[in-house]
Amino acid sequence: MGLIISDAPHESLAALRDSLNALATRGSFSERGLREARPEQISATVPHPVFNLTLDGARQGNIEAARSTGWRFLLAVDERVLASAETRSEGGRQVFSHVNVGPFVSGTVDAVTVAERIADADERQLELRLLNVPALYLMSVWLQPSEQHAEDGVFVPIEPAPPGFEPNRAYDRGEFTKALRSAAASVPEAGRDDTQGGG
C-alpha cells in the first residue's frame, strides 16, 4: 500500500530549521556541500521518529520497550542527501540534537529504498521509523504496521550493521528479535555505551 512518512511535530521542525539556519549562516557544517549551501537550499526530508532500545531490551528481544526519543531527518541539497539531523525530547519539548555525516547517512538512503519496495508490495500501511540500539551499534529501519497488526513489523538493518545482521535485508519481527538476542548476549555488562548513539 505504500510507505507512510509521518509529519514531524511543528516544534521539532522549528527547532531543526532554526539550528540549520544558524549553522549554514556561520558555515559551521563539516560536510562541504552543506557548508557551501545557502540556508534555503538545505531541505529536511524523510522525517521519521526515532526509538532507542537498551541493551536489556535487546537481550529480551523486547522491541516494545524501545523508547521514543525524537525525530530524524535526511538533509539534502539539490535533492542529494548529504547528512542526517536529529531533534530530541528534552523537558517535554523538542530541541535540536545533532547533524551526522557518517556512513549511516548513505546507509539510510539505501535502507529506505528497500523499505519503499517492501511497503509497495505489502497490503498493510507501513510507517517508517528508526530503531537505534546504541549498545550494539545497530540502526535499523522499522516498518510499523497499523494498530491491528501491532505485533508484526519489518526491519531493515542499516549499513554499516554489526555482526549477525545483514544490511538492507528485510527481517520479520521473529527473525529480528532472534538476531537481537544473539548479538546482545555477546555484549558484556560493562561494555558499550547503552544510552548514546545514532547517525
N, C-alpha and C. Protein backbone atom coordinates (compact mmCIF):
# COMPACT_ATOMS: atom_id res chain seq x y z
N MET A 1 0.81 -1.22 0.00
CA MET A 1 0.00 0.00 0.00
C MET A 1 0.84 1.27 0.00
N GLY A 2 2.12 1.12 0.19
CA GLY A 2 2.99 2.29 0.19
C GLY A 2 3.51 2.64 1.57
N LEU A 3 4.63 3.33 1.58
CA LEU A 3 5.30 3.71 2.82
C LEU A 3 4.70 4.98 3.39
N ILE A 4 4.38 4.96 4.69
CA ILE A 4 3.85 6.14 5.36
C ILE A 4 5.01 6.93 5.96
N ILE A 5 5.17 8.17 5.50
CA ILE A 5 6.14 9.10 6.09
C ILE A 5 5.36 10.07 6.95
N SER A 6 5.45 9.91 8.25
CA SER A 6 4.67 10.75 9.16
C SER A 6 5.19 12.18 9.20
N ASP A 7 4.30 13.11 9.47
CA ASP A 7 4.71 14.51 9.62
C ASP A 7 5.35 14.70 11.00
N ALA A 8 6.51 15.31 11.00
CA ALA A 8 7.16 15.62 12.28
C ALA A 8 6.40 16.72 12.99
N PRO A 9 6.44 16.75 14.32
CA PRO A 9 5.76 17.83 15.06
C PRO A 9 6.32 19.20 14.66
N HIS A 10 5.46 20.19 14.69
CA HIS A 10 5.88 21.55 14.33
C HIS A 10 7.06 21.99 15.18
N GLU A 11 7.04 21.67 16.47
CA GLU A 11 8.12 22.08 17.38
C GLU A 11 9.45 21.47 16.96
N SER A 12 9.42 20.23 16.50
CA SER A 12 10.64 19.57 16.04
C SER A 12 11.18 20.25 14.78
N LEU A 13 10.29 20.54 13.85
CA LEU A 13 10.69 21.20 12.61
C LEU A 13 11.24 22.59 12.88
N ALA A 14 10.61 23.32 13.79
CA ALA A 14 11.06 24.68 14.11
C ALA A 14 12.45 24.66 14.74
N ALA A 15 12.68 23.72 15.67
CA ALA A 15 13.99 23.61 16.31
C ALA A 15 15.05 23.24 15.29
N LEU A 16 14.69 22.34 14.40
CA LEU A 16 15.64 21.92 13.36
C LEU A 16 15.97 23.07 12.44
N ARG A 17 14.95 23.75 11.94
CA ARG A 17 15.17 24.81 10.97
C ARG A 17 15.99 25.95 11.57
N ASP A 18 15.69 26.34 12.82
CA ASP A 18 16.46 27.42 13.46
C ASP A 18 17.94 27.05 13.56
N SER A 19 18.22 25.82 13.95
CA SER A 19 19.61 25.39 14.11
C SER A 19 20.31 25.25 12.77
N LEU A 20 19.61 24.71 11.77
CA LEU A 20 20.22 24.58 10.45
C LEU A 20 20.53 25.95 9.85
N ASN A 21 19.62 26.88 10.03
CA ASN A 21 19.85 28.23 9.52
C ASN A 21 21.09 28.85 10.17
N ALA A 22 21.22 28.65 11.49
CA ALA A 22 22.37 29.22 12.21
C ALA A 22 23.67 28.56 11.74
N LEU A 23 23.66 27.25 11.59
CA LEU A 23 24.86 26.54 11.13
C LEU A 23 25.24 26.94 9.71
N ALA A 24 24.24 27.07 8.85
CA ALA A 24 24.51 27.44 7.45
C ALA A 24 25.03 28.86 7.36
N THR A 25 24.46 29.77 8.13
CA THR A 25 24.88 31.17 8.11
C THR A 25 26.32 31.32 8.56
N ARG A 26 26.72 30.52 9.56
CA ARG A 26 28.09 30.59 10.08
C ARG A 26 29.06 29.73 9.27
N GLY A 27 28.54 28.91 8.34
CA GLY A 27 29.40 28.00 7.60
C GLY A 27 30.01 26.95 8.49
N SER A 28 29.24 26.47 9.47
CA SER A 28 29.77 25.57 10.50
C SER A 28 29.60 24.09 10.19
N PHE A 29 29.00 23.75 9.08
CA PHE A 29 28.84 22.33 8.75
C PHE A 29 30.20 21.72 8.40
N SER A 30 30.42 20.48 8.81
CA SER A 30 31.66 19.79 8.44
C SER A 30 31.62 19.27 7.01
N GLU A 31 30.42 18.98 6.52
CA GLU A 31 30.27 18.46 5.16
C GLU A 31 30.31 19.64 4.18
N ARG A 32 31.18 19.53 3.17
CA ARG A 32 31.42 20.66 2.27
C ARG A 32 30.16 21.11 1.56
N GLY A 33 29.35 20.15 1.06
CA GLY A 33 28.15 20.51 0.32
C GLY A 33 27.18 21.31 1.17
N LEU A 34 27.06 20.98 2.44
CA LEU A 34 26.20 21.74 3.35
C LEU A 34 26.82 23.09 3.68
N ARG A 35 28.13 23.09 3.89
CA ARG A 35 28.83 24.32 4.28
C ARG A 35 28.73 25.38 3.18
N GLU A 36 28.72 24.94 1.94
CA GLU A 36 28.69 25.89 0.83
C GLU A 36 27.27 26.25 0.40
N ALA A 37 26.28 25.57 0.95
CA ALA A 37 24.89 25.84 0.56
C ALA A 37 24.31 27.02 1.33
N ARG A 38 23.40 27.72 0.69
CA ARG A 38 22.64 28.75 1.38
C ARG A 38 21.57 28.06 2.23
N PRO A 39 21.14 28.70 3.32
CA PRO A 39 20.14 28.07 4.20
C PRO A 39 18.91 27.57 3.46
N GLU A 40 18.43 28.33 2.49
CA GLU A 40 17.21 27.95 1.79
C GLU A 40 17.43 26.77 0.84
N GLN A 41 18.68 26.42 0.57
CA GLN A 41 18.97 25.28 -0.30
C GLN A 41 18.94 23.94 0.45
N ILE A 42 18.97 23.99 1.76
CA ILE A 42 19.04 22.76 2.56
C ILE A 42 17.62 22.31 2.90
N SER A 43 17.28 21.12 2.45
CA SER A 43 15.95 20.57 2.70
C SER A 43 16.03 19.46 3.74
N ALA A 44 15.11 19.48 4.69
CA ALA A 44 14.98 18.40 5.67
C ALA A 44 13.92 17.44 5.16
N THR A 45 14.34 16.26 4.73
CA THR A 45 13.45 15.32 4.06
C THR A 45 13.28 14.03 4.86
N VAL A 46 12.32 13.24 4.46
CA VAL A 46 12.04 11.90 5.01
C VAL A 46 12.04 11.90 6.55
N PRO A 47 11.17 12.69 7.19
CA PRO A 47 11.13 12.66 8.65
C PRO A 47 10.69 11.29 9.18
N HIS A 48 11.34 10.83 10.23
CA HIS A 48 10.95 9.56 10.83
C HIS A 48 11.25 9.57 12.32
N PRO A 49 10.31 9.07 13.13
CA PRO A 49 10.52 9.03 14.57
C PRO A 49 11.61 8.04 14.94
N VAL A 50 12.36 8.39 15.99
CA VAL A 50 13.48 7.57 16.46
C VAL A 50 13.09 6.89 17.77
N PHE A 51 13.39 5.60 17.85
CA PHE A 51 13.15 4.81 19.06
C PHE A 51 14.46 4.16 19.49
N ASN A 52 14.81 4.34 20.76
CA ASN A 52 16.03 3.75 21.31
C ASN A 52 15.69 2.52 22.13
N LEU A 53 16.45 1.46 21.92
CA LEU A 53 16.28 0.22 22.68
C LEU A 53 17.54 -0.03 23.50
N THR A 54 17.38 -0.29 24.79
CA THR A 54 18.52 -0.54 25.67
C THR A 54 19.08 -1.93 25.44
N LEU A 55 20.25 -2.17 26.03
CA LEU A 55 20.86 -3.49 25.93
C LEU A 55 19.97 -4.54 26.60
N ASP A 56 19.38 -4.21 27.74
CA ASP A 56 18.48 -5.16 28.39
C ASP A 56 17.29 -5.48 27.50
N GLY A 57 16.73 -4.46 26.85
CA GLY A 57 15.62 -4.69 25.95
C GLY A 57 16.00 -5.57 24.79
N ALA A 58 17.23 -5.38 24.27
CA ALA A 58 17.71 -6.20 23.17
C ALA A 58 17.91 -7.64 23.63
N ARG A 59 18.44 -7.82 24.83
CA ARG A 59 18.65 -9.17 25.34
C ARG A 59 17.34 -9.93 25.49
N GLN A 60 16.29 -9.19 25.81
CA GLN A 60 14.98 -9.82 25.96
C GLN A 60 14.23 -9.91 24.63
N GLY A 61 14.77 -9.29 23.59
CA GLY A 61 14.05 -9.23 22.32
C GLY A 61 12.77 -8.44 22.43
N ASN A 62 12.76 -7.47 23.34
CA ASN A 62 11.53 -6.74 23.67
C ASN A 62 11.51 -5.40 22.94
N ILE A 63 11.12 -5.43 21.69
CA ILE A 63 11.10 -4.21 20.88
C ILE A 63 10.08 -3.21 21.41
N GLU A 64 9.02 -3.71 22.06
CA GLU A 64 8.02 -2.80 22.63
C GLU A 64 8.61 -1.90 23.70
N ALA A 65 9.77 -2.28 24.25
CA ALA A 65 10.42 -1.46 25.28
C ALA A 65 11.19 -0.29 24.68
N ALA A 66 11.30 -0.23 23.36
CA ALA A 66 12.01 0.88 22.72
C ALA A 66 11.31 2.19 23.04
N ARG A 67 12.10 3.19 23.42
CA ARG A 67 11.55 4.47 23.87
C ARG A 67 11.67 5.52 22.77
N SER A 68 10.58 6.24 22.54
CA SER A 68 10.59 7.33 21.58
C SER A 68 11.49 8.45 22.10
N THR A 69 12.49 8.85 21.29
CA THR A 69 13.45 9.86 21.75
C THR A 69 13.43 11.13 20.92
N GLY A 70 12.83 11.12 19.74
CA GLY A 70 12.83 12.33 18.93
C GLY A 70 12.56 12.01 17.47
N TRP A 71 13.10 12.86 16.60
CA TRP A 71 12.87 12.72 15.16
C TRP A 71 14.19 12.86 14.42
N ARG A 72 14.25 12.18 13.28
CA ARG A 72 15.45 12.21 12.44
C ARG A 72 15.02 12.61 11.02
N PHE A 73 15.89 13.35 10.37
CA PHE A 73 15.62 13.86 9.02
C PHE A 73 16.86 13.62 8.15
N LEU A 74 16.65 13.47 6.86
CA LEU A 74 17.75 13.41 5.91
C LEU A 74 17.89 14.80 5.28
N LEU A 75 19.10 15.34 5.35
CA LEU A 75 19.36 16.69 4.83
C LEU A 75 19.86 16.60 3.40
N ALA A 76 19.19 17.31 2.51
CA ALA A 76 19.53 17.25 1.09
C ALA A 76 19.79 18.64 0.54
N VAL A 77 20.70 18.71 -0.40
CA VAL A 77 20.95 19.92 -1.18
C VAL A 77 20.81 19.52 -2.64
N ASP A 78 19.92 20.21 -3.35
CA ASP A 78 19.63 19.87 -4.75
C ASP A 78 19.28 18.39 -4.89
N GLU A 79 18.46 17.90 -3.97
CA GLU A 79 17.93 16.54 -3.96
C GLU A 79 18.99 15.47 -3.68
N ARG A 80 20.19 15.87 -3.30
CA ARG A 80 21.25 14.92 -2.95
C ARG A 80 21.38 14.89 -1.43
N VAL A 81 21.18 13.70 -0.83
CA VAL A 81 21.26 13.57 0.62
C VAL A 81 22.72 13.61 1.05
N LEU A 82 23.03 14.53 1.99
CA LEU A 82 24.40 14.73 2.43
C LEU A 82 24.60 14.44 3.91
N ALA A 83 23.53 14.43 4.68
CA ALA A 83 23.68 14.28 6.13
C ALA A 83 22.32 13.90 6.72
N SER A 84 22.35 13.57 7.99
CA SER A 84 21.10 13.43 8.75
C SER A 84 21.15 14.41 9.92
N ALA A 85 19.98 14.72 10.43
CA ALA A 85 19.89 15.61 11.60
C ALA A 85 18.80 15.08 12.51
N GLU A 86 18.98 15.28 13.81
CA GLU A 86 18.01 14.79 14.78
C GLU A 86 17.58 15.88 15.75
N THR A 87 16.34 15.77 16.17
CA THR A 87 15.86 16.51 17.32
C THR A 87 15.56 15.50 18.42
N ARG A 88 15.55 15.95 19.67
CA ARG A 88 15.31 15.04 20.78
C ARG A 88 14.35 15.68 21.77
N SER A 89 13.71 14.82 22.56
CA SER A 89 12.81 15.30 23.60
C SER A 89 13.63 15.72 24.81
N GLU A 90 13.34 16.91 25.30
CA GLU A 90 14.05 17.41 26.48
C GLU A 90 13.11 18.31 27.26
N GLY A 91 12.81 17.90 28.48
CA GLY A 91 11.92 18.70 29.32
C GLY A 91 10.54 18.86 28.72
N GLY A 92 10.08 17.83 27.99
CA GLY A 92 8.75 17.88 27.41
C GLY A 92 8.65 18.64 26.11
N ARG A 93 9.79 19.05 25.55
CA ARG A 93 9.76 19.75 24.26
C ARG A 93 10.83 19.20 23.35
N GLN A 94 10.72 19.50 22.07
CA GLN A 94 11.68 19.04 21.09
C GLN A 94 12.77 20.09 20.90
N VAL A 95 14.04 19.65 21.00
CA VAL A 95 15.18 20.54 20.80
C VAL A 95 16.12 19.92 19.78
N PHE A 96 16.94 20.76 19.16
CA PHE A 96 17.91 20.26 18.20
C PHE A 96 18.95 19.40 18.91
N SER A 97 19.33 18.28 18.26
CA SER A 97 20.32 17.39 18.84
C SER A 97 21.65 17.46 18.10
N HIS A 98 21.70 16.98 16.86
CA HIS A 98 22.97 16.94 16.15
C HIS A 98 22.77 16.70 14.66
N VAL A 99 23.84 16.96 13.91
CA VAL A 99 23.93 16.62 12.49
C VAL A 99 24.98 15.53 12.35
N ASN A 100 24.71 14.53 11.51
CA ASN A 100 25.62 13.43 11.30
C ASN A 100 25.93 13.30 9.81
N VAL A 101 27.21 13.10 9.49
CA VAL A 101 27.61 12.94 8.08
C VAL A 101 28.32 11.61 7.88
N GLY A 102 28.18 10.69 8.81
CA GLY A 102 28.87 9.41 8.74
C GLY A 102 28.21 8.42 7.80
N PRO A 103 28.68 7.17 7.84
CA PRO A 103 28.22 6.16 6.89
C PRO A 103 26.76 5.76 7.05
N PHE A 104 26.17 6.02 8.23
CA PHE A 104 24.76 5.69 8.40
C PHE A 104 23.85 6.54 7.50
N VAL A 105 24.37 7.65 7.00
CA VAL A 105 23.55 8.52 6.15
C VAL A 105 23.25 7.83 4.81
N SER A 106 24.31 7.47 4.08
CA SER A 106 24.08 6.77 2.82
C SER A 106 23.44 5.41 3.07
N GLY A 107 23.77 4.79 4.21
CA GLY A 107 23.13 3.53 4.56
C GLY A 107 21.64 3.67 4.73
N THR A 108 21.22 4.79 5.30
CA THR A 108 19.78 5.03 5.48
C THR A 108 19.08 5.19 4.14
N VAL A 109 19.71 5.93 3.23
CA VAL A 109 19.12 6.12 1.90
C VAL A 109 18.88 4.76 1.25
N ASP A 110 19.87 3.87 1.33
CA ASP A 110 19.73 2.54 0.73
C ASP A 110 18.63 1.74 1.41
N ALA A 111 18.59 1.79 2.76
CA ALA A 111 17.60 1.02 3.51
C ALA A 111 16.19 1.54 3.25
N VAL A 112 16.03 2.84 3.10
CA VAL A 112 14.70 3.41 2.81
C VAL A 112 14.25 2.99 1.42
N THR A 113 15.17 2.89 0.49
CA THR A 113 14.82 2.41 -0.85
C THR A 113 14.29 0.98 -0.78
N VAL A 114 14.94 0.15 0.02
CA VAL A 114 14.44 -1.22 0.23
C VAL A 114 13.07 -1.18 0.89
N ALA A 115 12.92 -0.31 1.90
CA ALA A 115 11.65 -0.20 2.63
C ALA A 115 10.51 0.21 1.71
N GLU A 116 10.79 1.10 0.78
CA GLU A 116 9.75 1.53 -0.16
C GLU A 116 9.26 0.36 -1.01
N ARG A 117 10.19 -0.48 -1.45
CA ARG A 117 9.79 -1.65 -2.25
C ARG A 117 8.96 -2.62 -1.42
N ILE A 118 9.36 -2.81 -0.17
CA ILE A 118 8.62 -3.71 0.73
C ILE A 118 7.21 -3.18 0.94
N ALA A 119 7.11 -1.89 1.23
CA ALA A 119 5.80 -1.29 1.52
C ALA A 119 4.89 -1.32 0.30
N ASP A 120 5.45 -1.10 -0.88
CA ASP A 120 4.64 -1.12 -2.11
C ASP A 120 4.04 -2.50 -2.35
N ALA A 121 4.75 -3.54 -1.92
CA ALA A 121 4.27 -4.91 -2.15
C ALA A 121 3.43 -5.45 -1.01
N ASP A 122 3.30 -4.69 0.08
CA ASP A 122 2.58 -5.15 1.27
C ASP A 122 1.16 -4.60 1.26
N GLU A 123 0.22 -5.40 1.70
CA GLU A 123 -1.18 -4.94 1.72
C GLU A 123 -1.49 -4.05 2.91
N ARG A 124 -0.55 -3.96 3.84
CA ARG A 124 -0.75 -3.12 5.02
C ARG A 124 -0.13 -1.74 4.79
N GLN A 125 -0.55 -0.78 5.60
CA GLN A 125 0.12 0.50 5.63
C GLN A 125 1.27 0.40 6.62
N LEU A 126 2.46 0.79 6.18
CA LEU A 126 3.66 0.65 6.99
C LEU A 126 4.28 2.01 7.25
N GLU A 127 4.42 2.35 8.53
CA GLU A 127 5.00 3.64 8.91
C GLU A 127 6.51 3.51 9.04
N LEU A 128 7.24 4.48 8.47
CA LEU A 128 8.69 4.50 8.57
C LEU A 128 9.12 5.00 9.94
N ARG A 129 9.93 4.16 10.62
CA ARG A 129 10.53 4.52 11.91
C ARG A 129 12.01 4.16 11.88
N LEU A 130 12.74 4.61 12.90
CA LEU A 130 14.12 4.20 13.07
C LEU A 130 14.28 3.56 14.44
N LEU A 131 14.85 2.36 14.48
CA LEU A 131 15.19 1.70 15.74
C LEU A 131 16.69 1.81 15.93
N ASN A 132 17.10 2.38 17.05
CA ASN A 132 18.50 2.57 17.38
C ASN A 132 18.83 1.75 18.62
N VAL A 133 19.85 0.90 18.50
CA VAL A 133 20.31 0.09 19.65
C VAL A 133 21.77 0.47 19.88
N PRO A 134 22.03 1.53 20.65
CA PRO A 134 23.40 2.03 20.79
C PRO A 134 24.40 0.99 21.28
N ALA A 135 24.00 0.13 22.20
CA ALA A 135 24.94 -0.85 22.75
C ALA A 135 25.44 -1.83 21.71
N LEU A 136 24.69 -1.99 20.62
CA LEU A 136 25.08 -2.91 19.54
C LEU A 136 25.60 -2.18 18.31
N TYR A 137 25.65 -0.85 18.37
CA TYR A 137 25.97 -0.05 17.19
C TYR A 137 25.06 -0.42 16.03
N LEU A 138 23.79 -0.63 16.35
CA LEU A 138 22.81 -1.06 15.35
C LEU A 138 21.77 0.02 15.13
N MET A 139 21.56 0.36 13.86
CA MET A 139 20.45 1.20 13.47
C MET A 139 19.68 0.45 12.40
N SER A 140 18.36 0.48 12.50
CA SER A 140 17.53 -0.27 11.55
C SER A 140 16.28 0.53 11.19
N VAL A 141 15.96 0.52 9.92
CA VAL A 141 14.64 0.98 9.51
C VAL A 141 13.62 0.03 10.12
N TRP A 142 12.55 0.61 10.66
CA TRP A 142 11.48 -0.17 11.32
C TRP A 142 10.19 0.19 10.61
N LEU A 143 9.60 -0.78 9.93
CA LEU A 143 8.33 -0.56 9.26
C LEU A 143 7.23 -1.08 10.16
N GLN A 144 6.52 -0.15 10.78
CA GLN A 144 5.49 -0.49 11.77
C GLN A 144 4.12 -0.47 11.12
N PRO A 145 3.44 -1.62 11.11
CA PRO A 145 2.10 -1.66 10.50
C PRO A 145 1.05 -1.01 11.38
N SER A 146 -0.15 -0.93 10.84
CA SER A 146 -1.26 -0.30 11.55
C SER A 146 -1.59 -1.05 12.83
N GLU A 147 -2.43 -0.45 13.65
CA GLU A 147 -2.68 -0.93 15.01
C GLU A 147 -3.14 -2.38 15.06
N GLN A 148 -3.94 -2.80 14.09
CA GLN A 148 -4.45 -4.16 14.14
C GLN A 148 -3.36 -5.21 13.89
N HIS A 149 -2.20 -4.75 13.41
CA HIS A 149 -1.08 -5.66 13.19
C HIS A 149 0.11 -5.24 14.06
N ALA A 150 -0.17 -4.71 15.23
CA ALA A 150 0.88 -4.10 16.05
C ALA A 150 1.99 -5.06 16.42
N GLU A 151 1.70 -6.35 16.49
CA GLU A 151 2.73 -7.32 16.86
C GLU A 151 3.62 -7.70 15.70
N ASP A 152 3.23 -7.29 14.49
CA ASP A 152 4.04 -7.58 13.32
C ASP A 152 5.05 -6.45 13.12
N GLY A 153 5.70 -6.47 12.01
CA GLY A 153 6.67 -5.42 11.70
C GLY A 153 7.77 -5.98 10.83
N VAL A 154 8.41 -5.08 10.10
CA VAL A 154 9.52 -5.45 9.23
C VAL A 154 10.70 -4.55 9.58
N PHE A 155 11.89 -5.14 9.60
CA PHE A 155 13.09 -4.41 9.99
C PHE A 155 14.14 -4.56 8.89
N VAL A 156 14.77 -3.44 8.55
CA VAL A 156 15.82 -3.43 7.53
C VAL A 156 17.06 -2.80 8.14
N PRO A 157 18.03 -3.61 8.58
CA PRO A 157 19.25 -3.05 9.19
C PRO A 157 19.97 -2.11 8.23
N ILE A 158 20.46 -1.02 8.79
CA ILE A 158 21.16 0.00 8.02
C ILE A 158 22.65 -0.30 8.01
N GLU A 159 23.25 -0.16 6.84
CA GLU A 159 24.70 -0.34 6.73
C GLU A 159 25.42 0.89 7.25
N PRO A 160 26.48 0.74 8.06
CA PRO A 160 27.14 -0.49 8.49
C PRO A 160 26.38 -1.17 9.64
N ALA A 161 26.15 -2.46 9.49
CA ALA A 161 25.43 -3.22 10.51
C ALA A 161 26.42 -4.11 11.27
N PRO A 162 26.15 -4.38 12.55
CA PRO A 162 27.06 -5.23 13.33
C PRO A 162 26.95 -6.70 12.91
N PRO A 163 27.90 -7.53 13.35
CA PRO A 163 27.82 -8.96 13.03
C PRO A 163 26.48 -9.55 13.47
N GLY A 164 25.95 -10.42 12.64
CA GLY A 164 24.67 -11.04 12.93
C GLY A 164 23.50 -10.40 12.23
N PHE A 165 23.74 -9.25 11.59
CA PHE A 165 22.68 -8.54 10.86
C PHE A 165 23.17 -8.26 9.43
N GLU A 166 22.32 -8.58 8.48
CA GLU A 166 22.65 -8.32 7.08
C GLU A 166 22.00 -7.01 6.65
N PRO A 167 22.80 -6.01 6.31
CA PRO A 167 22.20 -4.72 5.92
C PRO A 167 21.35 -4.84 4.67
N ASN A 168 20.27 -4.04 4.66
CA ASN A 168 19.36 -3.95 3.51
C ASN A 168 18.59 -5.23 3.24
N ARG A 169 18.55 -6.12 4.22
CA ARG A 169 17.73 -7.31 4.11
C ARG A 169 16.51 -7.14 5.00
N ALA A 170 15.35 -7.55 4.52
CA ALA A 170 14.11 -7.45 5.30
C ALA A 170 14.04 -8.62 6.29
N TYR A 171 13.85 -8.29 7.57
CA TYR A 171 13.65 -9.27 8.64
C TYR A 171 12.23 -9.14 9.16
N ASP A 172 11.53 -10.26 9.35
CA ASP A 172 10.28 -10.15 10.09
C ASP A 172 10.61 -10.03 11.57
N ARG A 173 9.60 -9.76 12.39
CA ARG A 173 9.87 -9.49 13.81
C ARG A 173 10.55 -10.67 14.50
N GLY A 174 10.10 -11.90 14.18
CA GLY A 174 10.69 -13.06 14.82
C GLY A 174 12.17 -13.21 14.51
N GLU A 175 12.53 -13.06 13.23
CA GLU A 175 13.94 -13.14 12.83
C GLU A 175 14.76 -12.05 13.49
N PHE A 176 14.20 -10.85 13.51
CA PHE A 176 14.94 -9.70 14.03
C PHE A 176 15.18 -9.82 15.53
N THR A 177 14.14 -10.22 16.28
CA THR A 177 14.32 -10.34 17.73
C THR A 177 15.31 -11.46 18.06
N LYS A 178 15.31 -12.52 17.28
CA LYS A 178 16.28 -13.60 17.49
C LYS A 178 17.71 -13.09 17.29
N ALA A 179 17.91 -12.30 16.23
CA ALA A 179 19.23 -11.72 15.98
C ALA A 179 19.61 -10.73 17.07
N LEU A 180 18.63 -9.96 17.56
CA LEU A 180 18.89 -9.02 18.65
C LEU A 180 19.38 -9.75 19.89
N ARG A 181 18.67 -10.79 20.27
CA ARG A 181 19.04 -11.55 21.47
C ARG A 181 20.45 -12.12 21.34
N SER A 182 20.74 -12.68 20.18
CA SER A 182 22.05 -13.29 19.96
C SER A 182 23.17 -12.26 20.04
N ALA A 183 22.97 -11.11 19.38
CA ALA A 183 24.00 -10.07 19.39
C ALA A 183 24.17 -9.47 20.78
N ALA A 184 23.07 -9.26 21.48
CA ALA A 184 23.13 -8.64 22.80
C ALA A 184 23.76 -9.57 23.82
N ALA A 185 23.60 -10.88 23.64
CA ALA A 185 24.16 -11.84 24.59
C ALA A 185 25.68 -11.79 24.61
N SER A 186 26.29 -11.31 23.53
CA SER A 186 27.75 -11.28 23.46
C SER A 186 28.35 -10.00 24.03
N VAL A 187 27.51 -9.05 24.44
CA VAL A 187 27.99 -7.77 24.96
C VAL A 187 28.13 -7.87 26.47
N PRO A 188 29.33 -7.63 27.03
CA PRO A 188 29.50 -7.70 28.48
C PRO A 188 28.74 -6.59 29.19
N GLU A 189 28.42 -6.82 30.44
CA GLU A 189 27.63 -5.86 31.23
C GLU A 189 28.27 -4.48 31.25
N ALA A 190 29.59 -4.43 31.36
CA ALA A 190 30.29 -3.14 31.45
C ALA A 190 30.84 -2.73 30.09
N GLY A 191 30.16 -3.18 29.02
CA GLY A 191 30.64 -2.95 27.68
C GLY A 191 30.22 -1.63 27.11
N ARG A 192 29.62 -1.68 25.96
CA ARG A 192 29.37 -0.46 25.19
C ARG A 192 28.34 0.44 25.83
N ASP A 193 28.45 1.71 25.46
CA ASP A 193 27.51 2.71 25.98
C ASP A 193 26.10 2.35 25.57
N ASP A 194 25.20 2.32 26.54
CA ASP A 194 23.84 1.86 26.29
C ASP A 194 22.86 2.99 26.07
N THR A 195 23.34 4.22 26.11
CA THR A 195 22.41 5.35 26.05
C THR A 195 22.65 6.28 24.87
N GLN A 196 23.84 6.27 24.31
CA GLN A 196 24.16 7.20 23.22
C GLN A 196 24.27 6.48 21.91
N GLY A 197 24.25 7.24 20.86
CA GLY A 197 24.40 6.64 19.54
C GLY A 197 23.49 7.30 18.53
N GLY A 198 23.57 6.85 17.30
CA GLY A 198 22.71 7.42 16.27
C GLY A 198 23.53 7.98 15.15
N GLY A 199 22.85 8.29 14.06
CA GLY A 199 23.57 8.82 12.91
C GLY A 199 22.63 9.32 11.86
